Full PDB file with SEQRES, HELIX, SHEET, SSBOND, CRYST1, ORIGX, SCALE, CONECT and MASTER records, all heavy atoms in Angstrom:
SEQRES   1 A   39  LEU VAL GLN ALA GLY GLY SER LEU ARG LEU SER CYS ALA          
SEQRES   2 A   39  ALA SER ARG SER THR LEU ARG SER TYR THR MET ALA TRP          
SEQRES   3 A   39  TYR ARG GLN ALA PRO GLY LYS GLN ARG GLU LEU VAL ALA          
SHEET    1 AA1 2 TYR A  27  ARG A  28  0                                        
SHEET    2 AA1 2 GLU A  36  LEU A  37 -1                                        
CRYST1    1.000    1.000    1.000  90.00  90.00  90.00 P 1           1          
ORIGX1      1.000000  0.000000  0.000000        0.00000                         
ORIGX2      0.000000  1.000000  0.000000        0.00000                         
ORIGX3      0.000000  0.000000  1.000000        0.00000                         
SCALE1      1.000000  0.000000  0.000000        0.00000                         
SCALE2      0.000000  1.000000  0.000000        0.00000                         
SCALE3      0.000000  0.000000  1.000000        0.00000                         
ATOM      1  N   LEU A   1       0.854  -1.188   0.000  1.00  0.00           N  
ATOM      2  CA  LEU A   1       0.000   0.000   0.000  1.00  0.00           C  
ATOM      3  C   LEU A   1       0.889   1.238   0.000  1.00  0.00           C  
ATOM      4  O   LEU A   1       1.808   1.345   0.828  1.00  0.00           O  
ATOM      5  CB  LEU A   1      -0.896  -0.011   1.230  1.00  0.00           C  
ATOM      6  CG  LEU A   1      -1.759   1.229   1.476  1.00  0.00           C  
ATOM      7  CD1 LEU A   1      -2.762   1.416   0.343  1.00  0.00           C  
ATOM      8  CD2 LEU A   1      -2.464   1.108   2.824  1.00  0.00           C  
ATOM      9  N   VAL A   2       0.610   2.154  -0.904  1.00  0.00           N  
ATOM     10  CA  VAL A   2       1.398   3.376  -1.004  1.00  0.00           C  
ATOM     11  C   VAL A   2       0.471   4.532  -1.354  1.00  0.00           C  
ATOM     12  O   VAL A   2      -0.570   4.333  -1.995  1.00  0.00           O  
ATOM     13  CB  VAL A   2       2.513   3.210  -2.067  1.00  0.00           C  
ATOM     14  CG1 VAL A   2       1.922   2.998  -3.445  1.00  0.00           C  
ATOM     15  CG2 VAL A   2       3.472   4.382  -2.055  1.00  0.00           C  
ATOM     16  N   GLN A   3       0.839   5.716  -0.924  1.00  0.00           N  
ATOM     17  CA  GLN A   3       0.050   6.894  -1.257  1.00  0.00           C  
ATOM     18  C   GLN A   3       0.339   7.348  -2.683  1.00  0.00           C  
ATOM     19  O   GLN A   3       1.431   7.103  -3.225  1.00  0.00           O  
ATOM     20  CB  GLN A   3       0.358   8.029  -0.281  1.00  0.00           C  
ATOM     21  CG  GLN A   3      -0.215   7.818   1.105  1.00  0.00           C  
ATOM     22  CD  GLN A   3      -0.065   9.052   1.977  1.00  0.00           C  
ATOM     23  OE1 GLN A   3       0.842   9.863   1.778  1.00  0.00           O  
ATOM     24  NE2 GLN A   3      -0.957   9.205   2.946  1.00  0.00           N  
ATOM     25  N   ALA A   4      -0.613   8.023  -3.271  1.00  0.00           N  
ATOM     26  CA  ALA A   4      -0.421   8.584  -4.603  1.00  0.00           C  
ATOM     27  C   ALA A   4       0.826   9.471  -4.618  1.00  0.00           C  
ATOM     28  O   ALA A   4       1.067  10.231  -3.667  1.00  0.00           O  
ATOM     29  CB  ALA A   4      -1.641   9.379  -5.022  1.00  0.00           C  
ATOM     30  N   GLY A   5       1.603   9.336  -5.677  1.00  0.00           N  
ATOM     31  CA  GLY A   5       2.858  10.062  -5.782  1.00  0.00           C  
ATOM     32  C   GLY A   5       4.053   9.303  -5.252  1.00  0.00           C  
ATOM     33  O   GLY A   5       5.201   9.710  -5.470  1.00  0.00           O  
ATOM     34  N   GLY A   6       3.801   8.210  -4.573  1.00  0.00           N  
ATOM     35  CA  GLY A   6       4.870   7.419  -3.992  1.00  0.00           C  
ATOM     36  C   GLY A   6       5.489   6.451  -4.976  1.00  0.00           C  
ATOM     37  O   GLY A   6       5.147   6.441  -6.168  1.00  0.00           O  
ATOM     38  N   SER A   7       6.408   5.632  -4.447  1.00  0.00           N  
ATOM     39  CA  SER A   7       7.155   4.690  -5.279  1.00  0.00           C  
ATOM     40  C   SER A   7       7.157   3.306  -4.654  1.00  0.00           C  
ATOM     41  O   SER A   7       7.044   3.162  -3.424  1.00  0.00           O  
ATOM     42  CB  SER A   7       8.607   5.164  -5.444  1.00  0.00           C  
ATOM     43  OG  SER A   7       8.669   6.412  -6.073  1.00  0.00           O  
ATOM     44  N   LEU A   8       7.290   2.313  -5.513  1.00  0.00           N  
ATOM     45  CA  LEU A   8       7.470   0.927  -5.093  1.00  0.00           C  
ATOM     46  C   LEU A   8       8.387   0.247  -6.101  1.00  0.00           C  
ATOM     47  O   LEU A   8       8.413   0.638  -7.279  1.00  0.00           O  
ATOM     48  CB  LEU A   8       6.145   0.158  -5.061  1.00  0.00           C  
ATOM     49  CG  LEU A   8       5.192   0.339  -3.888  1.00  0.00           C  
ATOM     50  CD1 LEU A   8       3.899  -0.421  -4.155  1.00  0.00           C  
ATOM     51  CD2 LEU A   8       5.827  -0.109  -2.589  1.00  0.00           C  
ATOM     52  N   ARG A   9       9.113  -0.769  -5.641  1.00  0.00           N  
ATOM     53  CA  ARG A   9       9.882  -1.591  -6.565  1.00  0.00           C  
ATOM     54  C   ARG A   9       9.439  -3.037  -6.421  1.00  0.00           C  
ATOM     55  O   ARG A   9       9.539  -3.619  -5.334  1.00  0.00           O  
ATOM     56  CB  ARG A   9      11.386  -1.484  -6.314  1.00  0.00           C  
ATOM     57  CG  ARG A   9      12.188  -2.174  -7.404  1.00  0.00           C  
ATOM     58  CD  ARG A   9      13.673  -2.041  -7.250  1.00  0.00           C  
ATOM     59  NE  ARG A   9      14.218  -2.974  -6.281  1.00  0.00           N  
ATOM     60  CZ  ARG A   9      15.485  -3.371  -6.259  1.00  0.00           C  
ATOM     61  NH1 ARG A   9      16.329  -2.921  -7.185  1.00  0.00           N  
ATOM     62  NH2 ARG A   9      15.909  -4.213  -5.338  1.00  0.00           N  
ATOM     63  N   LEU A  10       8.965  -3.578  -7.512  1.00  0.00           N  
ATOM     64  CA  LEU A  10       8.590  -4.983  -7.544  1.00  0.00           C  
ATOM     65  C   LEU A  10       9.770  -5.815  -8.016  1.00  0.00           C  
ATOM     66  O   LEU A  10      10.543  -5.381  -8.869  1.00  0.00           O  
ATOM     67  CB  LEU A  10       7.407  -5.208  -8.484  1.00  0.00           C  
ATOM     68  CG  LEU A  10       6.151  -4.382  -8.224  1.00  0.00           C  
ATOM     69  CD1 LEU A  10       5.048  -4.797  -9.207  1.00  0.00           C  
ATOM     70  CD2 LEU A  10       5.685  -4.515  -6.795  1.00  0.00           C  
ATOM     71  N   SER A  11       9.865  -7.011  -7.457  1.00  0.00           N  
ATOM     72  CA  SER A  11      10.902  -7.957  -7.869  1.00  0.00           C  
ATOM     73  C   SER A  11      10.243  -9.251  -8.306  1.00  0.00           C  
ATOM     74  O   SER A  11       9.210  -9.653  -7.766  1.00  0.00           O  
ATOM     75  CB  SER A  11      11.859  -8.237  -6.711  1.00  0.00           C  
ATOM     76  OG  SER A  11      12.508  -7.063  -6.290  1.00  0.00           O  
ATOM     77  N   CYS A  12      10.884  -9.907  -9.236  1.00  0.00           N  
ATOM     78  CA  CYS A  12      10.419 -11.212  -9.716  1.00  0.00           C  
ATOM     79  C   CYS A  12      11.645 -12.120  -9.770  1.00  0.00           C  
ATOM     80  O   CYS A  12      12.526 -11.925 -10.613  1.00  0.00           O  
ATOM     81  CB  CYS A  12       9.785 -11.079 -11.089  1.00  0.00           C  
ATOM     82  SG  CYS A  12       9.387 -12.645 -11.882  1.00  0.00           S  
ATOM     83  N   ALA A  13      11.678 -13.065  -8.863  1.00  0.00           N  
ATOM     84  CA  ALA A  13      12.810 -13.978  -8.776  1.00  0.00           C  
ATOM     85  C   ALA A  13      12.435 -15.316  -9.396  1.00  0.00           C  
ATOM     86  O   ALA A  13      11.323 -15.826  -9.201  1.00  0.00           O  
ATOM     87  CB  ALA A  13      13.210 -14.176  -7.320  1.00  0.00           C  
ATOM     88  N   ALA A  14      13.382 -15.872 -10.132  1.00  0.00           N  
ATOM     89  CA  ALA A  14      13.119 -17.131 -10.831  1.00  0.00           C  
ATOM     90  C   ALA A  14      13.916 -18.272 -10.233  1.00  0.00           C  
ATOM     91  O   ALA A  14      15.039 -18.076  -9.747  1.00  0.00           O  
ATOM     92  CB  ALA A  14      13.466 -16.986 -12.297  1.00  0.00           C  
ATOM     93  N   SER A  15      13.330 -19.438 -10.293  1.00  0.00           N  
ATOM     94  CA  SER A  15      14.038 -20.651  -9.884  1.00  0.00           C  
ATOM     95  C   SER A  15      13.772 -21.728 -10.929  1.00  0.00           C  
ATOM     96  O   SER A  15      12.925 -21.569 -11.808  1.00  0.00           O  
ATOM     97  CB  SER A  15      13.575 -21.119  -8.506  1.00  0.00           C  
ATOM     98  OG  SER A  15      12.194 -21.401  -8.506  1.00  0.00           O  
ATOM     99  N   ARG A  16      14.497 -22.802 -10.855  1.00  0.00           N  
ATOM    100  CA  ARG A  16      14.414 -23.963 -11.749  1.00  0.00           C  
ATOM    101  C   ARG A  16      15.043 -23.722 -13.106  1.00  0.00           C  
ATOM    102  O   ARG A  16      15.350 -24.658 -13.816  1.00  0.00           O  
ATOM    103  CB  ARG A  16      12.971 -24.442 -11.955  1.00  0.00           C  
ATOM    104  CG  ARG A  16      12.295 -24.954 -10.710  1.00  0.00           C  
ATOM    105  CD  ARG A  16      10.935 -25.528 -11.049  1.00  0.00           C  
ATOM    106  NE  ARG A  16      10.221 -25.956  -9.875  1.00  0.00           N  
ATOM    107  CZ  ARG A  16       8.969 -26.366  -9.889  1.00  0.00           C  
ATOM    108  NH1 ARG A  16       8.309 -26.396 -11.020  1.00  0.00           N  
ATOM    109  NH2 ARG A  16       8.373 -26.748  -8.780  1.00  0.00           N  
ATOM    110  N   SER A  17      15.193 -22.453 -13.496  1.00  0.00           N  
ATOM    111  CA  SER A  17      15.795 -22.190 -14.784  1.00  0.00           C  
ATOM    112  C   SER A  17      16.329 -20.769 -14.802  1.00  0.00           C  
ATOM    113  O   SER A  17      15.842 -19.904 -14.084  1.00  0.00           O  
ATOM    114  CB  SER A  17      14.768 -22.369 -15.901  1.00  0.00           C  
ATOM    115  OG  SER A  17      15.350 -22.139 -17.165  1.00  0.00           O  
ATOM    116  N   THR A  18      17.323 -20.520 -15.644  1.00  0.00           N  
ATOM    117  CA  THR A  18      17.834 -19.170 -15.793  1.00  0.00           C  
ATOM    118  C   THR A  18      16.909 -18.342 -16.661  1.00  0.00           C  
ATOM    119  O   THR A  18      16.290 -18.843 -17.596  1.00  0.00           O  
ATOM    120  CB  THR A  18      19.251 -19.203 -16.397  1.00  0.00           C  
ATOM    121  OG1 THR A  18      19.677 -17.861 -16.586  1.00  0.00           O  
ATOM    122  CG2 THR A  18      19.242 -19.912 -17.745  1.00  0.00           C  
ATOM    123  N   LEU A  19      16.826 -17.050 -16.352  1.00  0.00           N  
ATOM    124  CA  LEU A  19      15.974 -16.140 -17.115  1.00  0.00           C  
ATOM    125  C   LEU A  19      16.693 -15.531 -18.313  1.00  0.00           C  
ATOM    126  O   LEU A  19      16.074 -14.807 -19.087  1.00  0.00           O  
ATOM    127  CB  LEU A  19      15.477 -15.013 -16.207  1.00  0.00           C  
ATOM    128  CG  LEU A  19      14.509 -15.398 -15.087  1.00  0.00           C  
ATOM    129  CD1 LEU A  19      14.126 -14.146 -14.315  1.00  0.00           C  
ATOM    130  CD2 LEU A  19      13.288 -16.101 -15.636  1.00  0.00           C  
ATOM    131  N   ARG A  20      17.951 -15.838 -18.466  1.00  0.00           N  
ATOM    132  CA  ARG A  20      18.789 -15.144 -19.435  1.00  0.00           C  
ATOM    133  C   ARG A  20      18.205 -15.129 -20.843  1.00  0.00           C  
ATOM    134  O   ARG A  20      18.313 -14.134 -21.548  1.00  0.00           O  
ATOM    135  CB  ARG A  20      20.181 -15.775 -19.451  1.00  0.00           C  
ATOM    136  CG  ARG A  20      21.230 -15.006 -20.230  1.00  0.00           C  
ATOM    137  CD  ARG A  20      22.577 -15.686 -20.100  1.00  0.00           C  
ATOM    138  NE  ARG A  20      22.986 -15.787 -18.714  1.00  0.00           N  
ATOM    139  CZ  ARG A  20      23.628 -14.833 -18.058  1.00  0.00           C  
ATOM    140  NH1 ARG A  20      23.931 -13.709 -18.668  1.00  0.00           N  
ATOM    141  NH2 ARG A  20      23.965 -15.014 -16.787  1.00  0.00           N  
ATOM    142  N   SER A  21      17.592 -16.215 -21.251  1.00  0.00           N  
ATOM    143  CA  SER A  21      17.106 -16.320 -22.625  1.00  0.00           C  
ATOM    144  C   SER A  21      15.612 -16.038 -22.761  1.00  0.00           C  
ATOM    145  O   SER A  21      15.046 -16.242 -23.834  1.00  0.00           O  
ATOM    146  CB  SER A  21      17.408 -17.718 -23.169  1.00  0.00           C  
ATOM    147  OG  SER A  21      16.743 -18.697 -22.386  1.00  0.00           O  
ATOM    148  N   TYR A  22      14.993 -15.565 -21.688  1.00  0.00           N  
ATOM    149  CA  TYR A  22      13.566 -15.290 -21.710  1.00  0.00           C  
ATOM    150  C   TYR A  22      13.284 -13.812 -21.934  1.00  0.00           C  
ATOM    151  O   TYR A  22      14.025 -12.944 -21.449  1.00  0.00           O  
ATOM    152  CB  TYR A  22      12.915 -15.694 -20.385  1.00  0.00           C  
ATOM    153  CG  TYR A  22      12.726 -17.191 -20.220  1.00  0.00           C  
ATOM    154  CD1 TYR A  22      13.797 -18.005 -19.856  1.00  0.00           C  
ATOM    155  CD2 TYR A  22      11.485 -17.777 -20.407  1.00  0.00           C  
ATOM    156  CE1 TYR A  22      13.626 -19.375 -19.698  1.00  0.00           C  
ATOM    157  CE2 TYR A  22      11.306 -19.138 -20.245  1.00  0.00           C  
ATOM    158  CZ  TYR A  22      12.384 -19.929 -19.891  1.00  0.00           C  
ATOM    159  OH  TYR A  22      12.201 -21.270 -19.733  1.00  0.00           O  
ATOM    160  N   THR A  23      12.194 -13.528 -22.623  1.00  0.00           N  
ATOM    161  CA  THR A  23      11.610 -12.191 -22.594  1.00  0.00           C  
ATOM    162  C   THR A  23      10.788 -12.105 -21.316  1.00  0.00           C  
ATOM    163  O   THR A  23       9.949 -12.959 -21.060  1.00  0.00           O  
ATOM    164  CB  THR A  23      10.710 -11.954 -23.814  1.00  0.00           C  
ATOM    165  OG1 THR A  23      11.537 -11.860 -24.979  1.00  0.00           O  
ATOM    166  CG2 THR A  23       9.926 -10.658 -23.661  1.00  0.00           C  
ATOM    167  N   MET A  24      11.041 -11.056 -20.550  1.00  0.00           N  
ATOM    168  CA  MET A  24      10.376 -10.892 -19.270  1.00  0.00           C  
ATOM    169  C   MET A  24       9.399  -9.722 -19.348  1.00  0.00           C  
ATOM    170  O   MET A  24       9.652  -8.727 -20.028  1.00  0.00           O  
ATOM    171  CB  MET A  24      11.391 -10.637 -18.158  1.00  0.00           C  
ATOM    172  CG  MET A  24      12.427 -11.735 -17.997  1.00  0.00           C  
ATOM    173  SD  MET A  24      11.668 -13.309 -17.577  1.00  0.00           S  
ATOM    174  CE  MET A  24      10.855 -12.910 -16.037  1.00  0.00           C  
ATOM    175  N   ALA A  25       8.323  -9.840 -18.621  1.00  0.00           N  
ATOM    176  CA  ALA A  25       7.317  -8.777 -18.662  1.00  0.00           C  
ATOM    177  C   ALA A  25       6.586  -8.694 -17.333  1.00  0.00           C  
ATOM    178  O   ALA A  25       6.545  -9.654 -16.563  1.00  0.00           O  
ATOM    179  CB  ALA A  25       6.319  -9.030 -19.788  1.00  0.00           C  
ATOM    180  N   TRP A  26       6.023  -7.535 -17.113  1.00  0.00           N  
ATOM    181  CA  TRP A  26       5.095  -7.310 -16.001  1.00  0.00           C  
ATOM    182  C   TRP A  26       3.731  -6.993 -16.602  1.00  0.00           C  
ATOM    183  O   TRP A  26       3.616  -6.161 -17.513  1.00  0.00           O  
ATOM    184  CB  TRP A  26       5.544  -6.150 -15.118  1.00  0.00           C  
ATOM    185  CG  TRP A  26       6.716  -6.472 -14.266  1.00  0.00           C  
ATOM    186  CD1 TRP A  26       8.033  -6.222 -14.539  1.00  0.00           C  
ATOM    187  CD2 TRP A  26       6.696  -7.099 -12.979  1.00  0.00           C  
ATOM    188  NE1 TRP A  26       8.828  -6.658 -13.514  1.00  0.00           N  
ATOM    189  CE2 TRP A  26       8.031  -7.197 -12.528  1.00  0.00           C  
ATOM    190  CE3 TRP A  26       5.688  -7.584 -12.146  1.00  0.00           C  
ATOM    191  CZ2 TRP A  26       8.376  -7.766 -11.296  1.00  0.00           C  
ATOM    192  CZ3 TRP A  26       6.022  -8.137 -10.927  1.00  0.00           C  
ATOM    193  CH2 TRP A  26       7.355  -8.233 -10.513  1.00  0.00           C  
ATOM    194  N   TYR A  27       2.725  -7.667 -16.091  1.00  0.00           N  
ATOM    195  CA  TYR A  27       1.340  -7.410 -16.431  1.00  0.00           C  
ATOM    196  C   TYR A  27       0.619  -6.989 -15.160  1.00  0.00           C  
ATOM    197  O   TYR A  27       1.110  -7.212 -14.044  1.00  0.00           O  
ATOM    198  CB  TYR A  27       0.677  -8.663 -16.992  1.00  0.00           C  
ATOM    199  CG  TYR A  27       1.112  -9.059 -18.377  1.00  0.00           C  
ATOM    200  CD1 TYR A  27       2.352  -9.642 -18.611  1.00  0.00           C  
ATOM    201  CD2 TYR A  27       0.272  -8.854 -19.472  1.00  0.00           C  
ATOM    202  CE1 TYR A  27       2.748 -10.015 -19.892  1.00  0.00           C  
ATOM    203  CE2 TYR A  27       0.652  -9.227 -20.752  1.00  0.00           C  
ATOM    204  CZ  TYR A  27       1.886  -9.805 -20.949  1.00  0.00           C  
ATOM    205  OH  TYR A  27       2.266 -10.172 -22.214  1.00  0.00           O  
ATOM    206  N   ARG A  28      -0.559  -6.421 -15.327  1.00  0.00           N  
ATOM    207  CA  ARG A  28      -1.378  -6.116 -14.169  1.00  0.00           C  
ATOM    208  C   ARG A  28      -2.843  -6.351 -14.494  1.00  0.00           C  
ATOM    209  O   ARG A  28      -3.260  -6.288 -15.647  1.00  0.00           O  
ATOM    210  CB  ARG A  28      -1.156  -4.678 -13.686  1.00  0.00           C  
ATOM    211  CG  ARG A  28      -1.642  -3.589 -14.636  1.00  0.00           C  
ATOM    212  CD  ARG A  28      -1.220  -2.229 -14.110  1.00  0.00           C  
ATOM    213  NE  ARG A  28      -1.677  -1.152 -14.989  1.00  0.00           N  
ATOM    214  CZ  ARG A  28      -1.331   0.119 -14.842  1.00  0.00           C  
ATOM    215  NH1 ARG A  28      -0.509   0.475 -13.852  1.00  0.00           N  
ATOM    216  NH2 ARG A  28      -1.799   1.037 -15.674  1.00  0.00           N  
ATOM    217  N   GLN A  29      -3.591  -6.605 -13.439  1.00  0.00           N  
ATOM    218  CA  GLN A  29      -5.025  -6.814 -13.590  1.00  0.00           C  
ATOM    219  C   GLN A  29      -5.745  -6.137 -12.440  1.00  0.00           C  
ATOM    220  O   GLN A  29      -5.551  -6.500 -11.274  1.00  0.00           O  
ATOM    221  CB  GLN A  29      -5.370  -8.302 -13.625  1.00  0.00           C  
ATOM    222  CG  GLN A  29      -6.822  -8.577 -13.961  1.00  0.00           C  
ATOM    223  CD  GLN A  29      -7.071 -10.033 -14.311  1.00  0.00           C  
ATOM    224  OE1 GLN A  29      -6.292 -10.917 -13.983  1.00  0.00           O  
ATOM    225  NE2 GLN A  29      -8.171 -10.286 -15.000  1.00  0.00           N  
ATOM    226  N   ALA A  30      -6.550  -5.160 -12.805  1.00  0.00           N  
ATOM    227  CA  ALA A  30      -7.365  -4.453 -11.827  1.00  0.00           C  
ATOM    228  C   ALA A  30      -8.717  -5.153 -11.709  1.00  0.00           C  
ATOM    229  O   ALA A  30      -9.138  -5.857 -12.636  1.00  0.00           O  
ATOM    230  CB  ALA A  30      -7.542  -3.000 -12.240  1.00  0.00           C  
ATOM    231  N   PRO A  31      -9.420  -4.963 -10.597  1.00  0.00           N  
ATOM    232  CA  PRO A  31     -10.722  -5.619 -10.431  1.00  0.00           C  
ATOM    233  C   PRO A  31     -11.667  -5.273 -11.571  1.00  0.00           C  
ATOM    234  O   PRO A  31     -11.822  -4.111 -11.931  1.00  0.00           O  
ATOM    235  CB  PRO A  31     -11.217  -5.049  -9.098  1.00  0.00           C  
ATOM    236  CG  PRO A  31      -9.984  -4.687  -8.358  1.00  0.00           C  
ATOM    237  CD  PRO A  31      -9.011  -4.211  -9.400  1.00  0.00           C  
ATOM    238  N   GLY A  32     -12.268  -6.300 -12.158  1.00  0.00           N  
ATOM    239  CA  GLY A  32     -13.238  -6.094 -13.217  1.00  0.00           C  
ATOM    240  C   GLY A  32     -12.643  -5.766 -14.570  1.00  0.00           C  
ATOM    241  O   GLY A  32     -13.383  -5.471 -15.517  1.00  0.00           O  
ATOM    242  N   LYS A  33     -11.315  -5.805 -14.656  1.00  0.00           N  
ATOM    243  CA  LYS A  33     -10.661  -5.470 -15.922  1.00  0.00           C  
ATOM    244  C   LYS A  33      -9.821  -6.634 -16.419  1.00  0.00           C  
ATOM    245  O   LYS A  33      -9.460  -7.534 -15.657  1.00  0.00           O  
ATOM    246  CB  LYS A  33      -9.798  -4.224 -15.758  1.00  0.00           C  
ATOM    247  CG  LYS A  33     -10.586  -2.964 -15.464  1.00  0.00           C  
ATOM    248  CD  LYS A  33      -9.690  -1.735 -15.501  1.00  0.00           C  
ATOM    249  CE  LYS A  33     -10.481  -0.467 -15.274  1.00  0.00           C  
ATOM    250  NZ  LYS A  33      -9.622   0.750 -15.340  1.00  0.00           N  
ATOM    251  N   GLN A  34      -9.465  -6.578 -17.699  1.00  0.00           N  
ATOM    252  CA  GLN A  34      -8.610  -7.607 -18.276  1.00  0.00           C  
ATOM    253  C   GLN A  34      -7.159  -7.365 -17.872  1.00  0.00           C  
ATOM    254  O   GLN A  34      -6.748  -6.232 -17.593  1.00  0.00           O  
ATOM    255  CB  GLN A  34      -8.734  -7.597 -19.799  1.00  0.00           C  
ATOM    256  CG  GLN A  34     -10.072  -8.110 -20.307  1.00  0.00           C  
ATOM    257  CD  GLN A  34     -10.080  -8.285 -21.821  1.00  0.00           C  
ATOM    258  OE1 GLN A  34      -9.388  -7.578 -22.533  1.00  0.00           O  
ATOM    259  NE2 GLN A  34     -10.859  -9.250 -22.299  1.00  0.00           N  
ATOM    260  N   ARG A  35      -6.407  -8.441 -17.883  1.00  0.00           N  
ATOM    261  CA  ARG A  35      -4.976  -8.319 -17.630  1.00  0.00           C  
ATOM    262  C   ARG A  35      -4.350  -7.545 -18.784  1.00  0.00           C  
ATOM    263  O   ARG A  35      -4.653  -7.789 -19.951  1.00  0.00           O  
ATOM    264  CB  ARG A  35      -4.356  -9.706 -17.511  1.00  0.00           C  
ATOM    265  CG  ARG A  35      -2.937  -9.714 -16.993  1.00  0.00           C  
ATOM    266  CD  ARG A  35      -2.448 -11.125 -16.722  1.00  0.00           C  
ATOM    267  NE  ARG A  35      -3.210 -11.778 -15.665  1.00  0.00           N  
ATOM    268  CZ  ARG A  35      -2.870 -12.949 -15.129  1.00  0.00           C  
ATOM    269  NH1 ARG A  35      -1.772 -13.582 -15.547  1.00  0.00           N  
ATOM    270  NH2 ARG A  35      -3.624 -13.484 -14.186  1.00  0.00           N  
ATOM    271  N   GLU A  36      -3.436  -6.615 -18.431  1.00  0.00           N  
ATOM    272  CA  GLU A  36      -2.813  -5.790 -19.453  1.00  0.00           C  
ATOM    273  C   GLU A  36      -1.299  -5.773 -19.270  1.00  0.00           C  
ATOM    274  O   GLU A  36      -0.783  -5.875 -18.145  1.00  0.00           O  
ATOM    275  CB  GLU A  36      -3.345  -4.349 -19.394  1.00  0.00           C  
ATOM    276  CG  GLU A  36      -3.055  -3.613 -18.111  1.00  0.00           C  
ATOM    277  CD  GLU A  36      -3.502  -2.151 -18.134  1.00  0.00           C  
ATOM    278  OE1 GLU A  36      -3.985  -1.692 -19.184  1.00  0.00           O  
ATOM    279  OE2 GLU A  36      -3.328  -1.480 -17.105  1.00  0.00           O  
ATOM    280  N   LEU A  37      -0.605  -5.612 -20.381  1.00  0.00           N  
ATOM    281  CA  LEU A  37       0.843  -5.505 -20.344  1.00  0.00           C  
ATOM    282  C   LEU A  37       1.243  -4.154 -19.775  1.00  0.00           C  
ATOM    283  O   LEU A  37       0.731  -3.117 -20.200  1.00  0.00           O  
ATOM    284  CB  LEU A  37       1.417  -5.667 -21.749  1.00  0.00           C  
ATOM    285  CG  LEU A  37       2.927  -5.459 -21.886  1.00  0.00           C  
ATOM    286  CD1 LEU A  37       3.696  -6.564 -21.178  1.00  0.00           C  
ATOM    287  CD2 LEU A  37       3.322  -5.396 -23.359  1.00  0.00           C  
ATOM    288  N   VAL A  38       2.187  -4.168 -18.850  1.00  0.00           N  
ATOM    289  CA  VAL A  38       2.717  -2.933 -18.269  1.00  0.00           C  
ATOM    290  C   VAL A  38       4.068  -2.603 -18.895  1.00  0.00           C  
ATOM    291  O   VAL A  38       4.296  -1.484 -19.347  1.00  0.00           O  
ATOM    292  CB  VAL A  38       2.864  -3.073 -16.750  1.00  0.00           C  
ATOM    293  CG1 VAL A  38       3.524  -1.838 -16.154  1.00  0.00           C  
ATOM    294  CG2 VAL A  38       1.516  -3.327 -16.089  1.00  0.00           C  
ATOM    295  N   ALA A  39       4.963  -3.578 -18.891  1.00  0.00           N  
ATOM    296  CA  ALA A  39       6.310  -3.350 -19.408  1.00  0.00           C  
ATOM    297  C   ALA A  39       6.923  -4.682 -19.794  1.00  0.00           C  
ATOM    298  O   ALA A  39       6.596  -5.716 -19.209  1.00  0.00           O  
ATOM    299  CB  ALA A  39       7.186  -2.662 -18.369  1.00  0.00           C  
TER     300      ALA A  39                                                      
MASTER        0    0    0    0    2    0    0    6  299    1    0    3          
END                                                                             
């Protein structure tokens, strides 16, 4: 939870395989909405 104007850093850690050869992305899904690509 953060106030408007604030900052957060999300992390995504992988196991079982290296991420080196993968395209990585962040998606988000708000209530009642479709999942969308963020970055």
